[in-house]
C-alpha atoms as a PDB file:
ATOM      1  CA  UNK A   1      36.400 -28.142  19.496  1.00  0.00           C
ATOM      2  CA  UNK A   2      34.594 -26.015  16.986  1.00  0.00           C
ATOM      3  CA  UNK A   3      31.792 -23.701  17.991  1.00  0.00           C
ATOM      4  CA  UNK A   4      28.675 -24.793  16.063  1.00  0.00           C
ATOM      5  CA  UNK A   5      25.871 -22.296  15.814  1.00  0.00           C
ATOM      6  CA  UNK A   6      22.488 -23.025  14.307  1.00  0.00           C
ATOM      7  CA  UNK A   7      19.626 -25.394  14.927  1.00  0.00           C
ATOM      8  CA  UNK A   8      19.486 -29.147  14.968  1.00  0.00           C
ATOM      9  CA  UNK A   9      16.911 -31.034  12.943  1.00  0.00           C
ATOM     10  CA  UNK A  10      14.881 -31.836  16.078  1.00  0.00           C
ATOM     11  CA  UNK A  11      14.751 -28.161  17.074  1.00  0.00           C
ATOM     12  CA  UNK A  12      13.666 -27.208  13.578  1.00  0.00           C
ATOM     13  CA  UNK A  13      10.870 -29.826  13.548  1.00  0.00           C
ATOM     14  CA  UNK A  14       9.698 -28.697  16.987  1.00  0.00           C
ATOM     15  CA  UNK A  15       9.552 -25.067  15.815  1.00  0.00           C
ATOM     16  CA  UNK A  16       7.571 -26.032  12.698  1.00  0.00           C
ATOM     17  CA  UNK A  17       5.178 -28.146  14.810  1.00  0.00           C
ATOM     18  CA  UNK A  18       4.557 -25.254  17.204  1.00  0.00           C
ATOM     19  CA  UNK A  19       3.985 -22.919  14.260  1.00  0.00           C
ATOM     20  CA  UNK A  20       1.324 -25.268  12.803  1.00  0.00           C
ATOM     21  CA  UNK A  21      -0.416 -25.651  16.175  1.00  0.00           C
ATOM     22  CA  UNK A  22      -0.542 -21.878  16.522  1.00  0.00           C
ATOM     23  CA  UNK A  23      -1.862 -21.518  12.987  1.00  0.00           C
ATOM     24  CA  UNK A  24      -4.604 -24.123  13.584  1.00  0.00           C
ATOM     25  CA  UNK A  25      -5.695 -22.263  16.705  1.00  0.00           C
ATOM     26  CA  UNK A  26      -5.940 -18.960  14.840  1.00  0.00           C
ATOM     27  CA  UNK A  27      -7.678 -20.291  11.713  1.00  0.00           C
ATOM     28  CA  UNK A  28     -11.308 -19.726  12.854  1.00  0.00           C
ATOM     29  CA  UNK A  29     -10.502 -16.167  13.866  1.00  0.00           C
ATOM     30  CA  UNK A  30      -8.796 -15.512  10.549  1.00  0.00           C
ATOM     31  CA  UNK A  31     -11.807 -16.799   8.629  1.00  0.00           C
ATOM     32  CA  UNK A  32     -14.183 -14.393  10.362  1.00  0.00           C
ATOM     33  CA  UNK A  33     -11.637 -11.587   9.909  1.00  0.00           C
ATOM     34  CA  UNK A  34     -11.502 -12.161   6.145  1.00  0.00           C
ATOM     35  CA  UNK A  35     -15.318 -12.438   5.944  1.00  0.00           C
ATOM     36  CA  UNK A  36     -15.673  -9.051   7.710  1.00  0.00           C
ATOM     37  CA  UNK A  37     -12.996  -7.606   5.443  1.00  0.00           C
ATOM     38  CA  UNK A  38     -14.856  -8.713   2.310  1.00  0.00           C
ATOM     39  CA  UNK A  39     -18.174  -7.430   3.698  1.00  0.00           C
ATOM     40  CA  UNK A  40     -16.667  -4.006   4.391  1.00  0.00           C
ATOM     41  CA  UNK A  41     -15.134  -4.006   0.932  1.00  0.00           C
ATOM     42  CA  UNK A  42     -18.577  -4.684  -0.606  1.00  0.00           C
ATOM     43  CA  UNK A  43     -20.098  -1.871   1.483  1.00  0.00           C
ATOM     44  CA  UNK A  44     -17.375   0.487   0.303  1.00  0.00           C
ATOM     45  CA  UNK A  45     -17.987  -0.566  -3.321  1.00  0.00           C
ATOM     46  CA  UNK A  46     -21.739   0.086  -3.009  1.00  0.00           C
ATOM     47  CA  UNK A  47     -21.309   3.545  -1.478  1.00  0.00           C
ATOM     48  CA  UNK A  48     -18.560   4.430  -3.973  1.00  0.00           C
ATOM     49  CA  UNK A  49     -20.667   3.190  -6.873  1.00  0.00           C
ATOM     50  CA  UNK A  50     -23.709   5.202  -5.825  1.00  0.00           C
ATOM     51  CA  UNK A  51     -21.634   8.355  -5.303  1.00  0.00           C
ATOM     52  CA  UNK A  52     -19.877   7.809  -8.639  1.00  0.00           C
ATOM     53  CA  UNK A  53     -23.261   7.461 -10.364  1.00  0.00           C
ATOM     54  CA  UNK A  54     -24.432  10.761  -8.902  1.00  0.00           C
ATOM     55  CA  UNK A  55     -21.254  12.631  -9.817  1.00  0.00           C
ATOM     56  CA  UNK A  56     -21.196  11.096 -13.311  1.00  0.00           C
ATOM     57  CA  UNK A  57     -24.779  12.248 -13.916  1.00  0.00           C
ATOM     58  CA  UNK A  58     -23.880  15.773 -12.828  1.00  0.00           C
ATOM     59  CA  UNK A  59     -20.606  15.842 -14.788  1.00  0.00           C
ATOM     60  CA  UNK A  60     -21.984  14.446 -18.056  1.00  0.00           C
ATOM     61  CA  UNK A  61     -25.374  16.172 -17.752  1.00  0.00           C
ATOM     62  CA  UNK A  62     -27.079  12.823 -18.461  1.00  0.00           C
ATOM     63  CA  UNK A  63     -29.127  10.470 -16.269  1.00  0.00           C
ATOM     64  CA  UNK A  64     -27.241   7.518 -14.769  1.00  0.00           C
ATOM     65  CA  UNK A  65     -29.029   4.341 -13.647  1.00  0.00           C
ATOM     66  CA  UNK A  66     -27.724   2.044 -10.903  1.00  0.00           C
ATOM     67  CA  UNK A  67     -28.554  -1.656 -10.947  1.00  0.00           C
ATOM     68  CA  UNK A  68     -27.524  -4.601  -8.748  1.00  0.00           C
ATOM     69  CA  UNK A  69     -27.096  -7.806 -10.756  1.00  0.00           C
ATOM     70  CA  UNK A  70     -25.091 -10.959  -9.956  1.00  0.00           C
ATOM     71  CA  UNK A  71     -23.180  -9.361  -7.070  1.00  0.00           C
ATOM     72  CA  UNK A  72     -22.183  -6.424  -9.255  1.00  0.00           C
ATOM     73  CA  UNK A  73     -23.247  -2.818  -9.129  1.00  0.00           C
ATOM     74  CA  UNK A  74     -23.722  -1.575 -12.695  1.00  0.00           C
ATOM     75  CA  UNK A  75     -23.826   2.066 -13.786  1.00  0.00           C
ATOM     76  CA  UNK A  76     -25.582   2.784 -17.079  1.00  0.00           C
ATOM     77  CA  UNK A  77     -26.171   5.961 -19.064  1.00  0.00           C
ATOM     78  CA  UNK A  78     -29.073   6.619 -21.354  1.00  0.00           C
ATOM     79  CA  UNK A  79     -28.161   6.063 -24.988  1.00  0.00           C
ATOM     80  CA  UNK A  80     -31.194   6.705 -27.148  1.00  0.00           C
ATOM     81  CA  UNK A  81     -33.904   4.227 -26.173  1.00  0.00           C
ATOM     82  CA  UNK A  82     -31.483   1.930 -24.327  1.00  0.00           C
ATOM     83  CA  UNK A  83     -29.136   2.061 -21.365  1.00  0.00           C
ATOM     84  CA  UNK A  84     -25.406   1.637 -22.029  1.00  0.00           C
ATOM     85  CA  UNK A  85     -23.224   0.249 -19.230  1.00  0.00           C
ATOM     86  CA  UNK A  86     -20.420   2.659 -18.358  1.00  0.00           C
ATOM     87  CA  UNK A  87     -18.946   1.213 -15.169  1.00  0.00           C
ATOM     88  CA  UNK A  88     -19.224  -1.796 -12.878  1.00  0.00           C
ATOM     89  CA  UNK A  89     -18.234  -2.468  -9.287  1.00  0.00           C
ATOM     90  CA  UNK A  90     -17.608  -6.061  -8.135  1.00  0.00           C
ATOM     91  CA  UNK A  91     -19.186  -6.770  -4.726  1.00  0.00           C
ATOM     92  CA  UNK A  92     -17.561 -10.139  -3.914  1.00  0.00           C
ATOM     93  CA  UNK A  93     -19.055 -13.535  -3.122  1.00  0.00           C
ATOM     94  CA  UNK A  94     -19.268 -13.572   0.676  1.00  0.00           C
ATOM     95  CA  UNK A  95     -21.982 -10.906   0.904  1.00  0.00           C
ATOM     96  CA  UNK A  96     -25.582 -11.117  -0.261  1.00  0.00           C
ATOM     97  CA  UNK A  97     -26.633  -7.846  -1.892  1.00  0.00           C
ATOM     98  CA  UNK A  98     -30.150  -6.825  -2.896  1.00  0.00           C
ATOM     99  CA  UNK A  99     -31.894  -3.580  -3.815  1.00  0.00           C
ATOM    100  CA  UNK A 100     -35.570  -2.642  -3.819  1.00  0.00           C
ATOM    101  CA  UNK A 101     -35.299  -0.520  -6.969  1.00  0.00           C
ATOM    102  CA  UNK A 102     -32.983   0.768  -9.696  1.00  0.00           C
ATOM    103  CA  UNK A 103     -32.402   4.426  -8.938  1.00  0.00           C
ATOM    104  CA  UNK A 104     -31.718   6.903 -11.711  1.00  0.00           C
ATOM    105  CA  UNK A 105     -29.600   9.926 -10.833  1.00  0.00           C
ATOM    106  CA  UNK A 106     -30.585  13.072 -12.727  1.00  0.00           C
ATOM    107  CA  UNK A 107     -28.143  15.694 -14.008  1.00  0.00           C
ATOM    108  CA  UNK A 108     -29.131  17.783 -10.968  1.00  0.00           C
ATOM    109  CA  UNK A 109     -27.918  15.018  -8.623  1.00  0.00           C
ATOM    110  CA  UNK A 110     -31.319  13.901  -7.365  1.00  0.00           C
ATOM    111  CA  UNK A 111     -32.386  10.242  -7.396  1.00  0.00           C
ATOM    112  CA  UNK A 112     -35.658   8.655  -8.386  1.00  0.00           C
ATOM    113  CA  UNK A 113     -37.068   6.262  -7.237  1.00  0.00           C
ATOM    114  CA  UNK A 114     -35.786   6.113  -3.682  1.00  0.00           C
ATOM    115  CA  UNK A 115     -33.641   3.054  -3.082  1.00  0.00           C
ATOM    116  CA  UNK A 116     -32.416   0.859  -0.251  1.00  0.00           C
ATOM    117  CA  UNK A 117     -29.535  -1.529  -0.870  1.00  0.00           C
ATOM    118  CA  UNK A 118     -29.269  -4.329   1.714  1.00  0.00           C
ATOM    119  CA  UNK A 119     -25.982  -6.122   2.364  1.00  0.00           C
ATOM    120  CA  UNK A 120     -26.018  -9.307   4.454  1.00  0.00           C
ATOM    121  CA  UNK A 121     -23.284 -11.585   5.640  1.00  0.00           C
ATOM    122  CA  UNK A 122     -23.590 -14.413   8.157  1.00  0.00           C
ATOM    123  CA  UNK A 123     -23.699 -12.200  11.234  1.00  0.00           C
ATOM    124  CA  UNK A 124     -24.863  -8.735  10.254  1.00  0.00           C
ATOM    125  CA  UNK A 125     -27.139  -6.682   8.028  1.00  0.00           C
ATOM    126  CA  UNK A 126     -26.336  -3.237   6.667  1.00  0.00           C
ATOM    127  CA  UNK A 127     -28.532  -0.882   4.663  1.00  0.00           C
ATOM    128  CA  UNK A 128     -27.444   1.824   2.253  1.00  0.00           C
ATOM    129  CA  UNK A 129     -30.205   4.347   1.563  1.00  0.00           C
ATOM    130  CA  UNK A 130     -30.348   6.768  -1.359  1.00  0.00           C
ATOM    131  CA  UNK A 131     -32.550   9.806  -0.635  1.00  0.00           C
ATOM    132  CA  UNK A 132     -34.423  11.763  -3.293  1.00  0.00           C
ATOM    133  CA  UNK A 133     -31.705  14.419  -3.096  1.00  0.00           C
ATOM    134  CA  UNK A 134     -29.091  11.811  -4.078  1.00  0.00           C
ATOM    135  CA  UNK A 135     -27.550  11.572  -0.626  1.00  0.00           C
ATOM    136  CA  UNK A 136     -26.090   8.156   0.247  1.00  0.00           C
ATOM    137  CA  UNK A 137     -26.368   7.068   3.894  1.00  0.00           C
ATOM    138  CA  UNK A 138     -25.252   3.864   5.608  1.00  0.00           C
ATOM    139  CA  UNK A 139     -27.269   2.353   8.457  1.00  0.00           C
ATOM    140  CA  UNK A 140     -25.663  -0.427  10.472  1.00  0.00           C
ATOM    141  CA  UNK A 141     -22.146  -1.741   9.971  1.00  0.00           C
ATOM    142  CA  UNK A 142     -20.569  -4.945   8.747  1.00  0.00           C
END
């Protein structure tokens, strides 16, 4: 008799069935994991965008304005009488983002007016505050 190694069709189907049952049991946990991951990514994009605006204003010796529009954080520099967009940060779809003002960072690194950016997902709220000295602070976590 020959020695046959491997799996039979029934064993293979049983293994696939167990895999799908395990996957169905983990699906709700994976959904919340990915929602938290996207929320943290949006928070990171907001803080990075605000810091980039400040450093760009200092580097270029020109004011830089920050604006939240359509789940994007837009950085604009003054170009004559208008503002020209220089960079944008995508904030994703799973997080609601709002700001109470459009801060302008001066070439000295200070910000005016003061600004609070609020990020909300289904479970949590997080606030990112820009002080008049241009410092970016995060309150709460996603």
